[in-house]
Amino acid sequence: MAVKAVTERKTQILAAGEKLFNEKGYLATSVRDLADAVGMEAASLYSHYKSKEDILWTIADRCANEFFESVKPIAASQLHTQKKLTDMIIAHVGVITRNIDASAVFFREWRHIAEPRRSAYAKLRNDYEAIFKEVVRQGIQENLFKNYDEGFSTRTIMSALNWTHTWYRSDGELSSEEIGQHLAGILLNGLVRTV
């Protein structure tokens, strides 16, 4: 089979995994379900991925990379700290809304990843959260944000953002960017010093 065809087939399997793991859950989705979704024999699926968990890991890893690629440049920029955090929130929401199924899998199904990948996944999430935490810390040090616990503040922000995949609709009244702006406004309103 040509390399392009193999790559296309792997992409199809990942897309099926994202959709089925989101809709049915990882445990309730069988290899047969995945194979049926892409029109192949279950045994043939193993020529592309070693296991169902390999598909889950690939989805989680790709999603994590997209979050990092979207947010790290903003965090490293010279933007005003409040604008930086706002843009990071908008970028984070953008990744979620562009990849509803993958994001849902990333946030909910990770607990089915076995070691040593589970530890690698936890490190990715912690490293990503640390990017936000550093900007919150910077805002506190600059006396722009209230002196709340930076870890608690960061987890509150992430928790609010990470549920977006459960209610976002592409045909809704607000665009992804508008949702990000609204969320940033609400969340930063609780952080920003008014005096």
C-alpha atoms as a PDB file:
ATOM      1  CA  MET A   1       0.000   0.000   0.000  1.00  0.00           C
ATOM      2  CA  ALA A   2       1.351   3.443  -0.926  1.00  0.00           C
ATOM      3  CA  VAL A   3       2.547   5.732   1.889  1.00  0.00           C
ATOM      4  CA  LYS A   4      -0.139   8.312   1.068  1.00  0.00           C
ATOM      5  CA  ALA A   5      -2.892   5.693   1.285  1.00  0.00           C
ATOM      6  CA  VAL A   6      -1.533   4.434   4.629  1.00  0.00           C
ATOM      7  CA  THR A   7      -1.442   7.996   5.979  1.00  0.00           C
ATOM      8  CA  GLU A   8      -4.987   8.673   4.773  1.00  0.00           C
ATOM      9  CA  ARG A   9      -6.227   5.449   6.348  1.00  0.00           C
ATOM     10  CA  LYS A  10      -4.535   6.295   9.672  1.00  0.00           C
ATOM     11  CA  THR A  11      -6.169   9.728   9.555  1.00  0.00           C
ATOM     12  CA  GLN A  12      -9.561   8.113   8.940  1.00  0.00           C
ATOM     13  CA  ILE A  13      -9.050   5.735  11.865  1.00  0.00           C
ATOM     14  CA  LEU A  14      -8.105   8.620  14.158  1.00  0.00           C
ATOM     15  CA  ALA A  15     -11.171  10.607  13.088  1.00  0.00           C
ATOM     16  CA  ALA A  16     -13.359   7.563  13.773  1.00  0.00           C
ATOM     17  CA  GLY A  17     -11.669   7.126  17.156  1.00  0.00           C
ATOM     18  CA  GLU A  18     -12.274  10.762  18.084  1.00  0.00           C
ATOM     19  CA  LYS A  19     -15.948  10.534  17.153  1.00  0.00           C
ATOM     20  CA  LEU A  20     -16.671   7.140  18.698  1.00  0.00           C
ATOM     21  CA  PHE A  21     -14.644   7.684  21.877  1.00  0.00           C
ATOM     22  CA  ASN A  22     -16.506  10.964  22.373  1.00  0.00           C
ATOM     23  CA  GLU A  23     -19.959   9.559  21.616  1.00  0.00           C
ATOM     24  CA  LYS A  24     -19.713   6.107  23.219  1.00  0.00           C
ATOM     25  CA  GLY A  25     -16.676   6.400  25.470  1.00  0.00           C
ATOM     26  CA  TYR A  26     -13.369   4.612  25.075  1.00  0.00           C
ATOM     27  CA  LEU A  27     -14.371   1.476  26.973  1.00  0.00           C
ATOM     28  CA  ALA A  28     -17.659   1.031  25.100  1.00  0.00           C
ATOM     29  CA  THR A  29     -16.001   1.411  21.685  1.00  0.00           C
ATOM     30  CA  SER A  30     -14.682  -1.834  20.227  1.00  0.00           C
ATOM     31  CA  VAL A  31     -12.010  -2.360  17.600  1.00  0.00           C
ATOM     32  CA  ARG A  32     -14.850  -3.707  15.445  1.00  0.00           C
ATOM     33  CA  ASP A  33     -16.704  -0.364  15.865  1.00  0.00           C
ATOM     34  CA  LEU A  34     -13.606   1.519  14.736  1.00  0.00           C
ATOM     35  CA  ALA A  35     -13.026  -0.790  11.780  1.00  0.00           C
ATOM     36  CA  ASP A  36     -16.669  -0.605  10.711  1.00  0.00           C
ATOM     37  CA  ALA A  37     -16.562   3.194  10.842  1.00  0.00           C
ATOM     38  CA  VAL A  38     -13.786   3.260   8.248  1.00  0.00           C
ATOM     39  CA  GLY A  39     -14.971   0.274   6.196  1.00  0.00           C
ATOM     40  CA  MET A  40     -12.241  -2.204   6.970  1.00  0.00           C
ATOM     41  CA  GLU A  41     -11.773  -5.538   8.713  1.00  0.00           C
ATOM     42  CA  ALA A  42     -10.919  -5.336  12.409  1.00  0.00           C
ATOM     43  CA  ALA A  43      -7.742  -7.361  11.848  1.00  0.00           C
ATOM     44  CA  SER A  44      -6.611  -4.852   9.200  1.00  0.00           C
ATOM     45  CA  LEU A  45      -6.838  -2.008  11.701  1.00  0.00           C
ATOM     46  CA  TYR A  46      -3.881  -3.522  13.556  1.00  0.00           C
ATOM     47  CA  SER A  47      -1.656  -2.922  10.538  1.00  0.00           C
ATOM     48  CA  HIS A  48      -2.086   0.796  11.242  1.00  0.00           C
ATOM     49  CA  TYR A  49      -2.230   0.890  15.056  1.00  0.00           C
ATOM     50  CA  LYS A  50      -1.008  -1.736  17.508  1.00  0.00           C
ATOM     51  CA  SER A  51      -4.034  -1.384  19.763  1.00  0.00           C
ATOM     52  CA  LYS A  52      -7.119   0.646  20.565  1.00  0.00           C
ATOM     53  CA  GLU A  53      -5.066   2.377  23.235  1.00  0.00           C
ATOM     54  CA  ASP A  54      -2.529   3.465  20.584  1.00  0.00           C
ATOM     55  CA  ILE A  55      -5.369   5.302  18.875  1.00  0.00           C
ATOM     56  CA  LEU A  56      -6.403   6.935  22.152  1.00  0.00           C
ATOM     57  CA  TRP A  57      -2.810   7.954  22.884  1.00  0.00           C
ATOM     58  CA  THR A  58      -2.335   9.400  19.386  1.00  0.00           C
ATOM     59  CA  ILE A  59      -5.513  11.470  19.746  1.00  0.00           C
ATOM     60  CA  ALA A  60      -4.465  12.762  23.183  1.00  0.00           C
ATOM     61  CA  ASP A  61      -0.903  13.519  22.063  1.00  0.00           C
ATOM     62  CA  ARG A  62      -1.998  15.351  18.919  1.00  0.00           C
ATOM     63  CA  CYS A  63      -4.538  17.399  20.859  1.00  0.00           C
ATOM     64  CA  ALA A  64      -1.935  18.307  23.485  1.00  0.00           C
ATOM     65  CA  ASN A  65       0.471  19.430  20.766  1.00  0.00           C
ATOM     66  CA  GLU A  66      -2.178  21.655  19.227  1.00  0.00           C
ATOM     67  CA  PHE A  67      -2.863  23.287  22.603  1.00  0.00           C
ATOM     68  CA  PHE A  68       0.860  23.944  23.091  1.00  0.00           C
ATOM     69  CA  GLU A  69       1.335  25.270  19.548  1.00  0.00           C
ATOM     70  CA  SER A  70      -1.587  27.669  19.949  1.00  0.00           C
ATOM     71  CA  VAL A  71      -0.761  29.032  23.401  1.00  0.00           C
ATOM     72  CA  LYS A  72       3.047  28.979  23.827  1.00  0.00           C
ATOM     73  CA  PRO A  73       3.806  31.754  21.314  1.00  0.00           C
ATOM     74  CA  ILE A  74       1.287  34.032  23.025  1.00  0.00           C
ATOM     75  CA  ALA A  75       2.728  33.279  26.460  1.00  0.00           C
ATOM     76  CA  ALA A  76       6.234  34.042  25.167  1.00  0.00           C
ATOM     77  CA  SER A  77       5.161  37.320  23.543  1.00  0.00           C
ATOM     78  CA  GLN A  78       5.685  40.847  24.848  1.00  0.00           C
ATOM     79  CA  LEU A  79       1.969  41.521  25.129  1.00  0.00           C
ATOM     80  CA  HIS A  80       0.584  43.246  28.211  1.00  0.00           C
ATOM     81  CA  THR A  81      -0.068  40.493  30.773  1.00  0.00           C
ATOM     82  CA  GLN A  82      -3.840  40.917  30.824  1.00  0.00           C
ATOM     83  CA  LYS A  83      -3.989  40.867  27.000  1.00  0.00           C
ATOM     84  CA  LYS A  84      -1.659  37.870  26.980  1.00  0.00           C
ATOM     85  CA  LEU A  85      -3.940  35.858  29.275  1.00  0.00           C
ATOM     86  CA  THR A  86      -6.997  36.930  27.283  1.00  0.00           C
ATOM     87  CA  ASP A  87      -5.411  35.796  24.011  1.00  0.00           C
ATOM     88  CA  MET A  88      -4.292  32.513  25.585  1.00  0.00           C
ATOM     89  CA  ILE A  89      -7.856  31.825  26.705  1.00  0.00           C
ATOM     90  CA  ILE A  90      -9.178  32.623  23.213  1.00  0.00           C
ATOM     91  CA  ALA A  91      -6.537  30.353  21.642  1.00  0.00           C
ATOM     92  CA  HIS A  92      -7.350  27.512  24.055  1.00  0.00           C
ATOM     93  CA  VAL A  93     -11.064  27.783  23.273  1.00  0.00           C
ATOM     94  CA  GLY A  94     -10.176  27.866  19.575  1.00  0.00           C
ATOM     95  CA  VAL A  95      -8.420  24.510  19.795  1.00  0.00           C
ATOM     96  CA  ILE A  96     -11.432  23.014  21.573  1.00  0.00           C
ATOM     97  CA  THR A  97     -13.988  24.361  19.102  1.00  0.00           C
ATOM     98  CA  ARG A  98     -11.960  23.270  16.068  1.00  0.00           C
ATOM     99  CA  ASN A  99     -11.651  19.755  17.512  1.00  0.00           C
ATOM    100  CA  ILE A 100     -14.745  19.039  19.615  1.00  0.00           C
ATOM    101  CA  ASP A 101     -14.428  15.257  19.451  1.00  0.00           C
ATOM    102  CA  ALA A 102     -10.655  15.180  20.012  1.00  0.00           C
ATOM    103  CA  SER A 103     -10.927  17.691  22.857  1.00  0.00           C
ATOM    104  CA  ALA A 104     -13.659  15.686  24.555  1.00  0.00           C
ATOM    105  CA  VAL A 105     -11.483  12.580  24.317  1.00  0.00           C
ATOM    106  CA  PHE A 106      -8.476  14.527  25.607  1.00  0.00           C
ATOM    107  CA  PHE A 107     -10.352  15.833  28.650  1.00  0.00           C
ATOM    108  CA  ARG A 108     -12.461  12.766  29.515  1.00  0.00           C
ATOM    109  CA  GLU A 109     -10.937   9.552  28.223  1.00  0.00           C
ATOM    110  CA  TRP A 110      -7.295  10.054  29.267  1.00  0.00           C
ATOM    111  CA  ARG A 111      -7.874   7.929  32.398  1.00  0.00           C
ATOM    112  CA  HIS A 112      -7.879   4.842  30.160  1.00  0.00           C
ATOM    113  CA  ILE A 113      -4.290   5.423  29.048  1.00  0.00           C
ATOM    114  CA  ALA A 114      -1.993   2.892  30.723  1.00  0.00           C
ATOM    115  CA  GLU A 115       1.484   3.503  32.095  1.00  0.00           C
ATOM    116  CA  PRO A 116       4.005   4.693  31.071  1.00  0.00           C
ATOM    117  CA  ARG A 117       1.941   6.829  28.702  1.00  0.00           C
ATOM    118  CA  ARG A 118      -0.382   7.892  31.504  1.00  0.00           C
ATOM    119  CA  SER A 119       2.514   9.607  33.296  1.00  0.00           C
ATOM    120  CA  ALA A 120       3.603  11.207  30.018  1.00  0.00           C
ATOM    121  CA  TYR A 121       0.072  12.494  29.530  1.00  0.00           C
ATOM    122  CA  ALA A 122      -0.042  13.882  33.087  1.00  0.00           C
ATOM    123  CA  LYS A 123       3.255  15.666  32.429  1.00  0.00           C
ATOM    124  CA  LEU A 124       1.872  17.209  29.226  1.00  0.00           C
ATOM    125  CA  ARG A 125      -1.180  18.501  31.087  1.00  0.00           C
ATOM    126  CA  ASN A 126       0.907  19.819  33.981  1.00  0.00           C
ATOM    127  CA  ASP A 127       3.380  21.524  31.628  1.00  0.00           C
ATOM    128  CA  TYR A 128       0.531  23.116  29.720  1.00  0.00           C
ATOM    129  CA  GLU A 129      -1.191  24.316  32.887  1.00  0.00           C
ATOM    130  CA  ALA A 130       2.160  25.749  34.018  1.00  0.00           C
ATOM    131  CA  ILE A 131       2.163  28.090  31.009  1.00  0.00           C
ATOM    132  CA  PHE A 132      -1.089  29.649  32.229  1.00  0.00           C
ATOM    133  CA  LYS A 133       0.110  29.607  35.834  1.00  0.00           C
ATOM    134  CA  GLU A 134       3.219  31.587  34.913  1.00  0.00           C
ATOM    135  CA  VAL A 135       1.141  34.314  33.259  1.00  0.00           C
ATOM    136  CA  VAL A 136      -1.167  34.459  36.293  1.00  0.00           C
ATOM    137  CA  ARG A 137       1.929  34.716  38.516  1.00  0.00           C
ATOM    138  CA  GLN A 138       3.274  37.496  36.308  1.00  0.00           C
ATOM    139  CA  GLY A 139      -0.004  39.410  36.636  1.00  0.00           C
ATOM    140  CA  ILE A 140       0.117  39.082  40.424  1.00  0.00           C
ATOM    141  CA  GLN A 141       3.738  40.254  40.536  1.00  0.00           C
ATOM    142  CA  GLU A 142       2.889  43.239  38.352  1.00  0.00           C
ATOM    143  CA  ASN A 143       0.043  44.057  40.747  1.00  0.00           C
ATOM    144  CA  LEU A 144      -2.458  43.670  37.901  1.00  0.00           C
ATOM    145  CA  PHE A 145      -4.190  40.621  39.362  1.00  0.00           C
ATOM    146  CA  LYS A 146      -5.474  40.060  42.849  1.00  0.00           C
ATOM    147  CA  ASN A 147      -3.142  38.089  45.063  1.00  0.00           C
ATOM    148  CA  TYR A 148      -5.130  34.847  44.926  1.00  0.00           C
ATOM    149  CA  ASP A 149      -3.287  31.537  45.009  1.00  0.00           C
ATOM    150  CA  GLU A 150      -1.879  31.229  41.478  1.00  0.00           C
ATOM    151  CA  GLY A 151      -2.428  27.465  41.328  1.00  0.00           C
ATOM    152  CA  PHE A 152      -6.049  27.767  42.395  1.00  0.00           C
ATOM    153  CA  SER A 153      -6.621  30.657  39.972  1.00  0.00           C
ATOM    154  CA  THR A 154      -5.097  28.691  37.111  1.00  0.00           C
ATOM    155  CA  ARG A 155      -7.111  25.548  37.842  1.00  0.00           C
ATOM    156  CA  THR A 156     -10.282  27.651  37.995  1.00  0.00           C
ATOM    157  CA  ILE A 157      -9.533  29.124  34.567  1.00  0.00           C
ATOM    158  CA  MET A 158      -8.698  25.747  33.056  1.00  0.00           C
ATOM    159  CA  SER A 159     -11.775  24.097  34.558  1.00  0.00           C
ATOM    160  CA  ALA A 160     -14.050  26.767  33.121  1.00  0.00           C
ATOM    161  CA  LEU A 161     -12.481  26.532  29.675  1.00  0.00           C
ATOM    162  CA  ASN A 162     -12.261  22.772  29.446  1.00  0.00           C
ATOM    163  CA  TRP A 163     -16.026  22.259  29.645  1.00  0.00           C
ATOM    164  CA  THR A 164     -16.551  24.234  26.439  1.00  0.00           C
ATOM    165  CA  HIS A 165     -16.616  21.017  24.403  1.00  0.00           C
ATOM    166  CA  THR A 166     -19.821  19.943  26.197  1.00  0.00           C
ATOM    167  CA  TRP A 167     -21.948  22.874  25.089  1.00  0.00           C
ATOM    168  CA  TYR A 168     -20.280  24.579  22.089  1.00  0.00           C
ATOM    169  CA  ARG A 169     -22.209  24.392  18.817  1.00  0.00           C
ATOM    170  CA  SER A 170     -20.695  25.569  15.544  1.00  0.00           C
ATOM    171  CA  ASP A 171     -24.101  26.936  14.513  1.00  0.00           C
ATOM    172  CA  GLY A 172     -24.571  28.791  17.809  1.00  0.00           C
ATOM    173  CA  GLU A 173     -24.991  32.545  18.210  1.00  0.00           C
ATOM    174  CA  LEU A 174     -21.364  33.204  19.164  1.00  0.00           C
ATOM    175  CA  SER A 175     -18.230  32.408  17.212  1.00  0.00           C
ATOM    176  CA  SER A 176     -15.369  30.556  18.855  1.00  0.00           C
ATOM    177  CA  GLU A 177     -13.444  33.807  19.274  1.00  0.00           C
ATOM    178  CA  GLU A 178     -16.451  35.572  20.806  1.00  0.00           C
ATOM    179  CA  ILE A 179     -16.882  32.717  23.265  1.00  0.00           C
ATOM    180  CA  GLY A 180     -13.196  32.974  24.158  1.00  0.00           C
ATOM    181  CA  GLN A 181     -13.524  36.734  24.658  1.00  0.00           C
ATOM    182  CA  HIS A 182     -16.592  36.332  26.870  1.00  0.00           C
ATOM    183  CA  LEU A 183     -14.938  33.630  28.954  1.00  0.00           C
ATOM    184  CA  ALA A 184     -11.782  35.729  29.284  1.00  0.00           C
ATOM    185  CA  GLY A 185     -13.859  38.730  30.362  1.00  0.00           C
ATOM    186  CA  ILE A 186     -15.717  36.756  32.999  1.00  0.00           C
ATOM    187  CA  LEU A 187     -12.638  34.974  34.315  1.00  0.00           C
ATOM    188  CA  LEU A 188     -10.317  37.969  34.304  1.00  0.00           C
ATOM    189  CA  ASN A 189     -12.965  40.128  35.948  1.00  0.00           C
ATOM    190  CA  GLY A 190     -12.430  38.002  39.046  1.00  0.00           C
ATOM    191  CA  LEU A 191      -8.646  38.432  38.850  1.00  0.00           C
ATOM    192  CA  VAL A 192      -8.034  42.001  37.763  1.00  0.00           C
ATOM    193  CA  ARG A 193      -7.440  44.601  40.447  1.00  0.00           C
ATOM    194  CA  THR A 194      -9.876  47.488  40.202  1.00  0.00           C
ATOM    195  CA  VAL A 195      -7.899  49.938  42.355  1.00  0.00           C
END
